[in-house]
Amino acid sequence: MPCTSDSDAAAPVRAAILLPAGRSRVWQERAALALAGLPGVQCRVVRVRAAPREHDAQWRRWAAAHPELQELRVDDESDAAALADAAGAWDAAGVWDAVIDLADVADPAPWRARSRFGVWQPLDAQGLHLAAPYAGHASIVSGRGGELSLVRDGAMALETMRYYADPDYPRALGRAYLGLLYLLAAGLLELVHGGEPAAAAFVAQAPRSRWRRLVAGLRGRWRSQLRRWRGQWLSESWMIGVVDAPIEQTLQGRFAERIRWLGGRDALQYRADPFGLPGQDRLLYCETYDYRDGVGRLERLRLDADGAVAQADPAGPQRPGHVSYPYVFEHAGQTYAIPETAQRRCCELYEIDAHGRWRFVATLLDDVAAADASLFAWEGRFWLAYTDLSWGAFDNLCLSYADDLRGPWRRHARHPVKLDHRSSRPAGTPFVHDGALYRPAQDCTGGYGQAVALNRVRLCTPQRYREEVVTHCRPDPRGRNPHGLHTVSAWGARTLVDGKRYVFNLHELGRKLRRRYGAAAQTVGV
């Protein structure tokens, strides 16, 4: 348990962690250990009798094969003994700030009277406790991804995570246990920083009949197989488009029908991630992806009077490896760019001069695989929103902030600030409309880059962050690029976008087959 002194500015948050007596799972013990290391939090483990559970043969086989489901022997205590010990644990009233039930106690009511902010339990969309067999099973096998909420007193959701998950349920459990740490830390840090966790009504979904579960599972496996088939045999073909309206118009819907697509498809490459040069109505930067080597590079495009691409030149830092998402912005009369160099585990700031030359300015983030970093200014600070690929490809949002553009940059107290594959990974330019801050993010519900979710930011401080999805920009199913849309960037009175269609491309297919053959050859020792 971390030590705190009497001289601390604020009293530590005190949390009781309920763990099963007799036998405990590895994931439960690891969660309690992780919480004990949170700054400003004092934790006390209380062993209780968990609700009785029936485990069928299938669940026992999964538990035997999954490391975090392994059971550990612990000292036994009764509920009565635990309550008696709790009565004088920290103060005369025996009241904690929060009681975290990781054991799934049969009756949490006695604990509610001993907690200022109630009893917190990790529940899935159907209201099953994470300790119950098949928690999260319904949503995972249906192909919608996993969902887990930190629920207070069975009625209010304090935090919710939604993560992309293959319908293979045992494999998805590890992601749920990792996300549990995020949920618990986020809730406790809200208390540490002086705020009561925001809460929304939690209404558990009605359990499905066995027949409907079977149908949903078959549908989920079919969707998964379709995604796998697309990845093996088809290629993403992205295309840049222009909308003759400012970026605020994305909030009004039917945006995709107004896109003018630039040029046609190329068998050797595609273009995506467009960002216009401020003050210029014909110059923009983008990623150009080469199917033959699978590497993205930056280009500067010049449009002619009719809006077609008249010239394309290499641009950006001439560094090895994949480079994409050239986030271009203006500050204090100068033009800057932050290209994505996640493959090199760094995030760098460049200045672009009047001749289009890029000059290195500063390293904003080091030893971080930051994807699609997007900068914005809000309430006197610079903010950098990005997805940390060490957490996942597209289901997390991370923030860093600084008082000066060049830094030093500090990581948000909550890292990541959000876990949701439907609205986390940045997707273009944050903008202010009617005094509110909006942040575009990728909706990857069924796969990468399906649509753009527009989030309204409710709270953004170094310790706390809240946002909510208000609308979506979805591709036109009857248009030239019906399968995805994952960038909307401001370009003065216009907006740049990109869209995708799945195509059959021999160049990339050949590269994929060579890679697969090489991996198979290594496996058999060839």
Protein backbone atom coordinates (compact mmCIF):
# COMPACT_ATOMS: atom_id res chain seq x y z
CA MET A 1 0.00 0.00 0.00
CA PRO A 2 1.51 3.39 -0.97
CA CYS A 3 2.58 5.67 1.84
CA THR A 4 1.07 9.13 2.28
CA SER A 5 2.17 11.80 4.74
CA ASP A 6 0.17 14.15 6.89
CA SER A 7 1.63 17.04 4.93
CA ASP A 8 -0.10 16.04 1.71
CA ALA A 9 -2.34 18.77 0.33
CA ALA A 10 -5.29 16.44 0.06
CA ALA A 11 -6.23 13.32 1.97
CA PRO A 12 -5.73 10.13 -0.03
CA VAL A 13 -8.66 8.39 -1.62
CA ARG A 14 -9.41 5.23 0.34
CA ALA A 15 -10.70 2.19 -1.49
CA ALA A 16 -11.65 -1.24 -0.21
CA ILE A 17 -11.04 -3.97 -2.79
CA LEU A 18 -13.19 -7.06 -2.32
CA LEU A 19 -11.47 -10.25 -3.44
CA PRO A 20 -12.68 -13.84 -3.10
CA ALA A 21 -11.64 -15.82 -0.08
CA GLY A 22 -10.33 -19.33 -0.45
CA ARG A 23 -9.59 -19.21 -4.18
CA SER A 24 -8.94 -16.15 -6.31
CA ARG A 25 -8.27 -15.71 -10.02
CA VAL A 26 -4.97 -14.31 -11.29
CA TRP A 27 -6.71 -11.35 -12.98
CA GLN A 28 -8.36 -10.36 -9.69
CA GLU A 29 -5.07 -10.38 -7.79
CA ARG A 30 -3.31 -8.42 -10.54
CA ALA A 31 -6.02 -5.77 -10.58
CA ALA A 32 -5.74 -5.27 -6.82
CA LEU A 33 -1.96 -5.03 -7.07
CA ALA A 34 -2.17 -2.42 -9.85
CA LEU A 35 -4.60 -0.25 -7.87
CA ALA A 36 -2.29 -0.26 -4.87
CA GLY A 37 0.27 1.61 -6.97
CA LEU A 38 -1.99 4.51 -7.98
CA PRO A 39 -0.77 7.89 -6.69
CA GLY A 40 -3.06 9.44 -4.12
CA VAL A 41 -4.92 6.19 -3.46
CA GLN A 42 -4.82 3.92 -0.41
CA CYS A 43 -6.18 0.43 -0.98
CA ARG A 44 -7.14 -2.27 1.48
CA VAL A 45 -7.88 -5.80 0.30
CA VAL A 46 -10.81 -7.48 2.04
CA ARG A 47 -11.43 -11.19 1.46
CA VAL A 48 -15.11 -12.09 1.13
CA ARG A 49 -17.24 -15.01 0.06
CA ALA A 50 -18.15 -14.59 -3.58
CA ALA A 51 -21.52 -15.47 -5.06
CA PRO A 52 -21.73 -19.18 -5.90
CA ARG A 53 -21.23 -19.92 -9.59
CA GLU A 54 -21.79 -22.95 -11.79
CA HIS A 55 -18.98 -23.67 -14.22
CA ASP A 56 -19.77 -25.95 -17.15
CA ALA A 57 -17.24 -28.14 -18.92
CA GLN A 58 -16.56 -25.60 -21.68
CA TRP A 59 -15.78 -22.83 -19.20
CA ARG A 60 -13.52 -25.12 -17.18
CA ARG A 61 -11.55 -25.96 -20.35
CA TRP A 62 -11.15 -22.26 -21.17
CA ALA A 63 -10.14 -21.46 -17.58
CA ALA A 64 -7.52 -24.17 -17.63
CA ALA A 65 -5.97 -22.75 -20.81
CA HIS A 66 -6.15 -19.03 -19.98
CA PRO A 67 -3.33 -17.82 -17.66
CA GLU A 68 -5.36 -15.03 -16.07
CA LEU A 69 -8.19 -17.41 -15.19
CA GLN A 70 -5.90 -19.65 -13.14
CA GLU A 71 -6.91 -19.97 -9.49
CA LEU A 72 -4.69 -19.10 -6.53
CA ARG A 73 -5.17 -20.34 -2.97
CA VAL A 74 -5.62 -17.52 -0.43
CA ASP A 75 -6.40 -17.32 3.26
CA ASP A 76 -10.06 -17.80 3.99
CA GLU A 77 -12.17 -15.23 5.85
CA SER A 78 -15.88 -15.00 6.40
CA ASP A 79 -18.02 -12.00 5.46
CA ALA A 80 -18.79 -11.44 9.14
CA ALA A 81 -15.11 -11.28 10.04
CA ALA A 82 -14.40 -8.92 7.16
CA LEU A 83 -17.18 -6.55 8.18
CA ALA A 84 -16.02 -6.58 11.79
CA ASP A 85 -12.48 -5.77 10.70
CA ALA A 86 -13.77 -3.01 8.42
CA ALA A 87 -15.63 -1.24 11.22
CA GLY A 88 -12.49 0.41 12.57
CA ALA A 89 -10.20 0.10 9.60
CA TRP A 90 -9.48 3.79 8.94
CA ASP A 91 -11.82 5.88 11.00
CA ALA A 92 -14.50 5.59 13.62
CA ALA A 93 -17.26 5.34 11.05
CA GLY A 94 -15.46 2.72 8.99
CA VAL A 95 -16.37 4.53 5.75
CA TRP A 96 -14.38 4.23 2.53
CA ASP A 97 -14.48 6.54 -0.46
CA ALA A 98 -15.21 3.56 -2.73
CA VAL A 99 -15.73 -0.16 -2.39
CA ILE A 100 -14.55 -2.06 -5.46
CA ASP A 101 -16.17 -5.46 -5.78
CA LEU A 102 -13.95 -7.73 -7.87
CA ALA A 103 -15.28 -10.84 -6.17
CA ASP A 104 -18.97 -10.54 -7.17
CA VAL A 105 -20.35 -10.70 -3.64
CA ALA A 106 -23.75 -12.27 -3.22
CA ASP A 107 -25.18 -9.21 -1.42
CA PRO A 108 -23.37 -5.86 -1.87
CA ALA A 109 -25.95 -3.96 0.23
CA PRO A 110 -23.97 -4.11 3.55
CA TRP A 111 -21.00 -2.53 1.80
CA ARG A 112 -22.93 0.42 0.35
CA ALA A 113 -23.43 1.91 3.82
CA ARG A 114 -19.65 1.90 4.28
CA SER A 115 -18.77 3.74 1.05
CA ARG A 116 -19.19 7.43 0.18
CA PHE A 117 -19.44 6.66 -3.53
CA GLY A 118 -21.06 3.25 -3.41
CA VAL A 119 -20.01 -0.21 -4.54
CA TRP A 120 -18.26 -0.37 -7.92
CA GLN A 121 -18.54 -3.53 -10.02
CA PRO A 122 -17.24 -4.39 -13.52
CA LEU A 123 -20.31 -5.49 -15.51
CA ASP A 124 -20.81 -6.40 -19.16
CA ALA A 125 -23.64 -5.11 -21.34
CA GLN A 126 -25.96 -7.84 -20.01
CA GLY A 127 -25.18 -6.97 -16.39
CA LEU A 128 -22.90 -9.98 -15.82
CA HIS A 129 -20.04 -9.43 -13.39
CA LEU A 130 -16.60 -9.91 -14.93
CA ALA A 131 -16.02 -12.73 -12.45
CA ALA A 132 -19.01 -14.67 -13.82
CA PRO A 133 -18.56 -17.37 -16.47
CA TYR A 134 -19.06 -16.05 -20.01
CA ALA A 135 -18.96 -12.36 -19.04
CA GLY A 136 -18.94 -10.31 -22.25
CA HIS A 137 -19.59 -13.42 -24.32
CA ALA A 138 -22.77 -12.17 -26.02
CA SER A 139 -21.29 -9.00 -27.52
CA ILE A 140 -17.91 -10.54 -28.40
CA VAL A 141 -19.18 -13.56 -30.32
CA SER A 142 -21.68 -11.39 -32.21
CA GLY A 143 -18.79 -9.44 -33.76
CA ARG A 144 -19.77 -6.10 -32.16
CA GLY A 145 -16.69 -6.04 -29.94
CA GLY A 146 -16.37 -6.26 -26.19
CA GLU A 147 -18.00 -3.90 -23.73
CA LEU A 148 -17.35 -3.46 -20.02
CA SER A 149 -18.67 -0.83 -17.60
CA LEU A 150 -17.70 0.19 -14.11
CA VAL A 151 -21.14 0.33 -12.49
CA ARG A 152 -21.98 2.00 -9.20
CA ASP A 153 -24.58 0.29 -7.02
CA GLY A 154 -25.87 -1.66 -10.01
CA ALA A 155 -27.51 1.40 -11.54
CA MET A 156 -25.01 4.05 -12.74
CA ALA A 157 -22.14 3.57 -15.21
CA LEU A 158 -19.10 5.57 -14.08
CA GLU A 159 -16.83 4.54 -16.96
CA THR A 160 -17.32 2.33 -20.02
CA MET A 161 -14.81 0.76 -22.41
CA ARG A 162 -15.64 -0.72 -25.79
CA TYR A 163 -12.93 -2.61 -27.55
CA TYR A 164 -12.54 -4.32 -30.88
CA ALA A 165 -12.51 -8.08 -30.40
CA ASP A 166 -12.38 -11.07 -32.67
CA PRO A 167 -15.33 -13.43 -32.04
CA ASP A 168 -12.81 -15.86 -30.52
CA TYR A 169 -14.05 -15.37 -26.96
CA PRO A 170 -11.16 -16.82 -24.90
CA ARG A 171 -8.67 -14.69 -26.81
CA ALA A 172 -10.73 -11.56 -26.17
CA LEU A 173 -10.77 -12.06 -22.39
CA GLY A 174 -7.22 -10.73 -22.03
CA ARG A 175 -8.31 -7.42 -23.52
CA ALA A 176 -11.18 -7.24 -21.03
CA TYR A 177 -8.87 -7.79 -18.05
CA LEU A 178 -6.47 -5.12 -19.32
CA GLY A 179 -9.37 -2.71 -19.82
CA LEU A 180 -10.55 -3.35 -16.27
CA LEU A 181 -7.40 -1.66 -14.99
CA TYR A 182 -8.21 1.38 -17.11
CA LEU A 183 -11.78 1.56 -15.77
CA LEU A 184 -10.77 1.29 -12.12
CA ALA A 185 -7.87 3.72 -12.40
CA ALA A 186 -10.03 6.25 -14.26
CA GLY A 187 -12.74 6.16 -11.60
CA LEU A 188 -10.34 6.46 -8.67
CA LEU A 189 -8.30 9.24 -10.28
CA GLU A 190 -11.51 11.24 -10.70
CA LEU A 191 -11.82 11.13 -6.90
CA VAL A 192 -8.14 11.92 -6.40
CA HIS A 193 -8.49 15.11 -8.45
CA GLY A 194 -11.49 16.32 -6.52
CA GLY A 195 -14.36 15.37 -8.77
CA GLU A 196 -17.12 12.83 -8.41
CA PRO A 197 -17.07 10.42 -11.36
CA ALA A 198 -19.65 11.38 -13.95
CA ALA A 199 -22.35 8.77 -14.22
CA ALA A 200 -24.96 7.69 -16.73
CA ALA A 201 -27.85 5.32 -16.13
CA PHE A 202 -26.84 1.71 -16.64
CA VAL A 203 -29.54 -0.46 -18.15
CA ALA A 204 -28.52 -4.05 -18.73
CA GLN A 205 -29.54 -5.56 -22.04
CA ALA A 206 -32.05 -8.37 -21.85
CA PRO A 207 -30.38 -11.78 -22.09
CA ARG A 208 -30.94 -13.53 -25.39
CA SER A 209 -32.44 -16.95 -25.85
CA ARG A 210 -30.11 -19.79 -26.63
CA TRP A 211 -31.32 -19.81 -30.26
CA ARG A 212 -30.66 -16.08 -30.71
CA ARG A 213 -27.22 -16.44 -29.14
CA LEU A 214 -26.43 -19.18 -31.62
CA VAL A 215 -27.56 -17.05 -34.55
CA ALA A 216 -25.59 -14.03 -33.29
CA GLY A 217 -22.49 -16.18 -32.88
CA LEU A 218 -22.77 -17.55 -36.41
CA ARG A 219 -23.22 -14.03 -37.76
CA GLY A 220 -20.19 -12.82 -35.80
CA ARG A 221 -18.01 -15.63 -37.11
CA TRP A 222 -19.16 -14.88 -40.65
CA ARG A 223 -18.28 -11.18 -40.24
CA SER A 224 -14.90 -12.11 -38.84
CA GLN A 225 -14.22 -14.50 -41.69
CA LEU A 226 -15.29 -11.86 -44.20
CA ARG A 227 -12.84 -9.36 -42.67
CA ARG A 228 -10.10 -11.98 -42.74
CA TRP A 229 -10.89 -12.82 -46.37
CA ARG A 230 -10.82 -9.16 -47.34
CA GLY A 231 -7.48 -8.69 -45.62
CA GLN A 232 -5.96 -11.68 -47.39
CA TRP A 233 -7.23 -11.18 -50.93
CA LEU A 234 -8.38 -7.58 -51.32
CA SER A 235 -6.69 -4.21 -50.83
CA GLU A 236 -7.88 -0.90 -49.47
CA SER A 237 -7.98 1.76 -52.17
CA TRP A 238 -8.29 5.22 -50.64
CA MET A 239 -9.11 8.40 -52.53
CA ILE A 240 -9.00 12.10 -51.59
CA GLY A 241 -12.10 14.27 -51.88
CA VAL A 242 -13.12 17.89 -51.37
CA VAL A 243 -16.34 19.30 -49.93
CA ASP A 244 -17.15 22.93 -50.69
CA ALA A 245 -18.20 23.70 -47.13
CA PRO A 246 -16.36 24.43 -43.86
CA ILE A 247 -15.68 21.61 -41.46
CA GLU A 248 -18.52 22.66 -39.13
CA GLN A 249 -20.93 21.42 -41.80
CA THR A 250 -19.97 17.88 -40.85
CA LEU A 251 -22.30 18.28 -37.88
CA GLN A 252 -25.34 18.61 -40.16
CA GLY A 253 -25.37 15.16 -41.78
CA ARG A 254 -25.55 14.01 -45.44
CA PHE A 255 -21.98 15.20 -45.78
CA ALA A 256 -20.68 12.32 -47.90
CA GLU A 257 -23.08 13.05 -50.77
CA ARG A 258 -21.34 16.42 -51.34
CA ILE A 259 -17.82 15.01 -51.84
CA ARG A 260 -15.98 15.68 -55.13
CA TRP A 261 -13.41 12.93 -55.54
CA LEU A 262 -10.02 13.87 -57.02
CA GLY A 263 -8.84 11.69 -59.91
CA GLY A 264 -9.20 7.96 -60.40
CA ARG A 265 -7.69 4.82 -58.97
CA ASP A 266 -4.09 3.81 -59.52
CA ALA A 267 -2.92 0.21 -59.61
CA LEU A 268 0.40 1.15 -57.99
CA GLN A 269 -0.68 3.48 -55.19
CA TYR A 270 -3.42 5.32 -53.38
CA ARG A 271 -3.65 8.67 -51.59
CA ALA A 272 -5.19 9.34 -48.16
CA ASP A 273 -4.88 11.54 -45.04
CA PRO A 274 -5.27 14.92 -46.81
CA PHE A 275 -4.45 18.21 -45.05
CA GLY A 276 -4.62 21.53 -46.84
CA LEU A 277 -1.95 24.22 -46.61
CA PRO A 278 -3.39 27.19 -44.63
CA GLY A 279 -3.93 30.26 -46.78
CA GLN A 280 -3.61 28.27 -50.01
CA ASP A 281 -6.58 26.98 -51.99
CA ARG A 282 -4.67 24.63 -54.32
CA LEU A 283 -1.88 23.11 -52.20
CA LEU A 284 -2.34 20.17 -49.87
CA TYR A 285 -0.35 17.37 -48.27
CA CYS A 286 -1.27 13.69 -48.10
CA GLU A 287 0.03 10.17 -47.63
CA THR A 288 0.79 8.20 -50.79
CA TYR A 289 0.86 4.47 -50.17
CA ASP A 290 2.78 2.19 -52.52
CA TYR A 291 1.16 -1.23 -52.96
CA ARG A 292 4.46 -2.80 -54.03
CA ASP A 293 6.40 -2.24 -50.79
CA GLY A 294 3.57 -1.43 -48.37
CA VAL A 295 5.17 1.86 -47.29
CA GLY A 296 3.51 5.25 -47.05
CA ARG A 297 5.28 8.47 -47.99
CA LEU A 298 4.24 12.11 -47.97
CA GLU A 299 3.42 14.15 -51.06
CA ARG A 300 2.49 17.74 -51.78
CA LEU A 301 -0.30 18.03 -54.33
CA ARG A 302 -1.09 21.05 -56.47
CA LEU A 303 -4.63 21.29 -57.86
CA ASP A 304 -5.49 23.02 -61.12
CA ALA A 305 -8.33 25.50 -61.63
CA ASP A 306 -10.80 22.64 -62.11
CA GLY A 307 -9.81 20.97 -58.84
CA ALA A 308 -7.88 18.08 -60.42
CA VAL A 309 -4.38 17.03 -59.32
CA ALA A 310 -1.97 18.88 -61.60
CA GLN A 311 1.31 18.10 -59.82
CA ALA A 312 2.55 15.74 -57.11
CA ASP A 313 5.94 16.11 -55.44
CA PRO A 314 7.65 14.25 -52.58
CA ALA A 315 7.38 16.13 -49.29
CA GLY A 316 8.08 15.90 -45.60
CA PRO A 317 10.97 14.41 -43.67
CA GLN A 318 13.05 12.06 -45.79
CA ARG A 319 13.34 9.34 -43.18
CA PRO A 320 13.20 5.56 -43.59
CA GLY A 321 10.00 3.72 -42.80
CA HIS A 322 6.31 4.44 -43.09
CA VAL A 323 5.20 8.08 -42.83
CA SER A 324 1.56 9.21 -43.03
CA TYR A 325 -1.06 11.62 -41.65
CA PRO A 326 0.73 14.97 -42.28
CA TYR A 327 -1.23 17.03 -39.75
CA VAL A 328 -0.76 20.61 -41.02
CA PHE A 329 -1.72 23.68 -38.98
CA GLU A 330 -0.89 27.36 -38.56
CA HIS A 331 0.39 29.06 -35.40
CA ALA A 332 1.66 32.62 -34.89
CA GLY A 333 1.88 33.21 -38.63
CA GLN A 334 3.96 30.08 -39.28
CA THR A 335 2.91 26.79 -40.87
CA TYR A 336 3.75 23.58 -39.04
CA ALA A 337 3.21 19.87 -39.57
CA ILE A 338 3.21 16.77 -37.38
CA PRO A 339 3.60 13.67 -39.59
CA GLU A 340 2.88 10.23 -38.21
CA THR A 341 6.11 8.35 -37.63
CA ALA A 342 4.78 5.75 -35.19
CA GLN A 343 7.00 3.09 -36.75
CA ARG A 344 10.00 5.02 -35.39
CA ARG A 345 8.29 5.51 -32.00
CA CYS A 346 8.49 9.29 -32.04
CA CYS A 347 6.28 12.29 -32.74
CA GLU A 348 8.05 15.26 -34.33
CA LEU A 349 7.16 18.88 -35.14
CA TYR A 350 8.26 20.49 -38.42
CA GLU A 351 8.00 24.00 -39.81
CA ILE A 352 7.09 24.41 -43.49
CA ASP A 353 8.58 27.46 -45.20
CA ALA A 354 7.18 29.40 -48.18
CA HIS A 355 9.02 27.11 -50.61
CA GLY A 356 7.55 23.93 -49.15
CA ARG A 357 10.72 22.88 -47.32
CA TRP A 358 10.29 21.11 -43.98
CA ARG A 359 12.56 22.06 -41.08
CA PHE A 360 12.73 19.96 -37.92
CA VAL A 361 11.67 21.96 -34.84
CA ALA A 362 11.25 19.59 -31.87
CA THR A 363 10.43 16.09 -30.74
CA LEU A 364 7.05 16.27 -29.02
CA LEU A 365 6.84 12.64 -27.86
CA ASP A 366 9.70 10.18 -27.60
CA ASP A 367 9.52 6.39 -27.34
CA VAL A 368 5.78 6.49 -28.07
CA ALA A 369 4.12 4.82 -31.06
CA ALA A 370 1.72 7.75 -31.53
CA ALA A 371 -0.69 7.26 -34.44
CA ASP A 372 -2.55 10.14 -36.14
CA ALA A 373 -1.39 12.81 -33.69
CA SER A 374 -3.67 15.88 -33.95
CA LEU A 375 -2.87 19.17 -32.25
CA PHE A 376 -5.34 21.75 -30.96
CA ALA A 377 -5.34 24.72 -28.58
CA TRP A 378 -7.88 24.86 -25.79
CA GLU A 379 -8.18 26.99 -22.66
CA GLY A 380 -4.64 28.33 -22.77
CA ARG A 381 -2.83 25.07 -23.53
CA PHE A 382 -1.70 23.06 -26.51
CA TRP A 383 -3.10 19.54 -26.64
CA LEU A 384 -1.96 16.54 -28.65
CA ALA A 385 -4.52 13.79 -29.22
CA TYR A 386 -3.23 10.44 -30.51
CA THR A 387 -3.65 6.69 -30.37
CA ASP A 388 -0.90 4.79 -28.58
CA LEU A 389 -0.32 1.67 -30.66
CA SER A 390 1.11 -0.13 -27.63
CA TRP A 391 -2.46 -0.11 -26.24
CA GLY A 392 -4.18 -1.03 -29.48
CA ALA A 393 -4.48 -0.08 -33.14
CA PHE A 394 -7.58 2.08 -32.94
CA ASP A 395 -9.54 1.71 -29.70
CA ASN A 396 -7.70 4.18 -27.42
CA LEU A 397 -7.35 7.95 -27.13
CA CYS A 398 -4.34 9.46 -25.37
CA LEU A 399 -3.58 13.10 -24.60
CA SER A 400 -0.47 15.13 -23.88
CA TYR A 401 -0.38 18.86 -23.17
CA ALA A 402 2.09 21.76 -23.09
CA ASP A 403 2.19 25.48 -22.43
CA ASP A 404 4.54 26.04 -25.38
CA LEU A 405 4.29 24.44 -28.79
CA ARG A 406 7.84 23.10 -28.57
CA GLY A 407 7.24 21.61 -25.14
CA PRO A 408 7.94 20.23 -22.69
CA TRP A 409 4.96 17.94 -23.27
CA ARG A 410 3.37 16.14 -20.34
CA ARG A 411 1.17 13.10 -20.42
CA HIS A 412 -2.41 13.39 -19.19
CA ALA A 413 -3.02 12.03 -15.69
CA ARG A 414 -5.28 9.40 -17.25
CA HIS A 415 -3.52 7.36 -19.91
CA PRO A 416 -5.37 6.57 -22.02
CA VAL A 417 -8.27 8.97 -21.46
CA LYS A 418 -10.70 6.81 -23.45
CA LEU A 419 -11.06 3.22 -24.66
CA ASP A 420 -13.67 2.91 -27.39
CA HIS A 421 -13.09 1.45 -30.85
CA ARG A 422 -16.09 3.43 -32.11
CA SER A 423 -14.75 6.94 -31.42
CA SER A 424 -11.13 7.13 -30.21
CA ARG A 425 -8.44 7.23 -32.92
CA PRO A 426 -8.06 10.80 -34.30
CA ALA A 427 -9.52 11.43 -37.75
CA GLY A 428 -8.69 15.00 -38.70
CA THR A 429 -8.88 18.56 -37.43
CA PRO A 430 -10.47 19.39 -34.06
CA PHE A 431 -12.58 22.54 -34.42
CA VAL A 432 -14.64 24.98 -32.37
CA HIS A 433 -18.28 25.68 -33.26
CA ASP A 434 -20.65 27.85 -31.20
CA GLY A 435 -18.12 27.85 -28.38
CA ALA A 436 -17.87 24.06 -28.17
CA LEU A 437 -14.83 21.96 -29.08
CA TYR A 438 -15.38 19.04 -31.47
CA ARG A 439 -12.92 16.23 -32.19
CA PRO A 440 -13.22 13.92 -35.22
CA ALA A 441 -12.40 10.27 -34.49
CA GLN A 442 -12.46 7.02 -36.41
CA ASP A 443 -15.39 4.66 -36.01
CA CYS A 444 -13.83 1.20 -36.26
CA THR A 445 -16.80 -0.82 -35.02
CA GLY A 446 -16.36 -3.55 -37.60
CA GLY A 447 -12.85 -2.75 -38.81
CA TYR A 448 -10.41 0.03 -39.56
CA GLY A 449 -11.61 3.37 -40.91
CA GLN A 450 -15.31 2.67 -41.44
CA ALA A 451 -16.59 6.17 -40.65
CA VAL A 452 -15.84 9.35 -38.71
CA ALA A 453 -17.46 10.00 -35.32
CA LEU A 454 -17.71 13.63 -34.22
CA ASN A 455 -17.16 14.03 -30.47
CA ARG A 456 -18.14 17.10 -28.48
CA VAL A 457 -15.54 17.66 -25.75
CA ARG A 458 -17.24 18.31 -22.42
CA LEU A 459 -14.18 18.59 -20.17
CA CYS A 460 -10.48 18.88 -20.97
CA THR A 461 -7.98 19.48 -18.16
CA PRO A 462 -4.61 17.89 -17.32
CA GLN A 463 -6.42 15.56 -14.88
CA ARG A 464 -9.86 14.99 -16.41
CA TYR A 465 -11.35 14.47 -19.87
CA ARG A 466 -14.88 13.86 -21.10
CA GLU A 467 -16.37 13.75 -24.59
CA GLU A 468 -19.47 12.35 -26.26
CA VAL A 469 -20.35 11.35 -29.81
CA VAL A 470 -22.89 13.73 -31.35
CA THR A 471 -23.03 12.50 -34.98
CA HIS A 472 -21.22 10.53 -37.69
CA CYS A 473 -19.84 11.15 -41.16
CA ARG A 474 -20.44 7.90 -43.01
CA PRO A 475 -19.47 6.96 -46.57
CA ASP A 476 -22.10 7.08 -49.28
CA PRO A 477 -23.04 3.41 -49.86
CA ARG A 478 -23.87 4.26 -53.49
CA GLY A 479 -20.77 6.40 -54.07
CA ARG A 480 -17.31 5.71 -55.45
CA ASN A 481 -15.91 4.88 -52.01
CA PRO A 482 -18.61 3.07 -50.07
CA HIS A 483 -16.45 1.10 -47.61
CA GLY A 484 -14.84 3.72 -45.40
CA LEU A 485 -14.12 7.34 -44.51
CA HIS A 486 -11.46 8.17 -41.93
CA THR A 487 -10.26 11.76 -42.31
CA VAL A 488 -12.04 15.14 -42.25
CA SER A 489 -9.67 18.11 -42.17
CA ALA A 490 -10.34 21.84 -42.23
CA TRP A 491 -9.16 23.80 -45.29
CA GLY A 492 -10.57 27.29 -44.90
CA ALA A 493 -14.05 27.41 -46.42
CA ARG A 494 -13.64 23.81 -47.63
CA THR A 495 -13.10 20.42 -46.06
CA LEU A 496 -10.81 17.61 -47.20
CA VAL A 497 -11.83 13.98 -46.75
CA ASP A 498 -10.76 10.54 -47.85
CA GLY A 499 -12.77 7.42 -48.65
CA LYS A 500 -12.05 3.81 -49.49
CA ARG A 501 -13.21 0.92 -51.58
CA TYR A 502 -11.96 -2.65 -51.39
CA VAL A 503 -10.30 -3.65 -54.68
CA PHE A 504 -8.35 -6.55 -56.10
CA ASN A 505 -4.73 -5.42 -56.55
CA LEU A 506 -2.14 -7.82 -57.95
CA HIS A 507 0.85 -5.82 -56.69
CA GLU A 508 -0.20 -5.94 -53.04
CA LEU A 509 -1.55 -9.48 -53.32
CA GLY A 510 1.84 -10.64 -54.59
CA ARG A 511 3.56 -8.95 -51.65
CA LYS A 512 1.12 -10.53 -49.18
CA LEU A 513 1.61 -13.98 -50.68
CA ARG A 514 5.40 -13.65 -50.56
CA ARG A 515 5.18 -12.63 -46.90
CA ARG A 516 2.87 -15.53 -46.09
CA TYR A 517 5.08 -17.99 -47.92
CA GLY A 518 8.14 -16.68 -46.09
CA ALA A 519 6.43 -17.04 -42.71
CA ALA A 520 5.27 -20.57 -43.56
CA ALA A 521 8.77 -21.51 -44.72
CA GLN A 522 10.29 -20.32 -41.45
CA THR A 523 7.69 -22.28 -39.48
CA VAL A 524 8.59 -25.57 -41.16
CA GLY A 525 12.31 -24.78 -41.04
CA VAL A 526 12.88 -24.24 -44.77
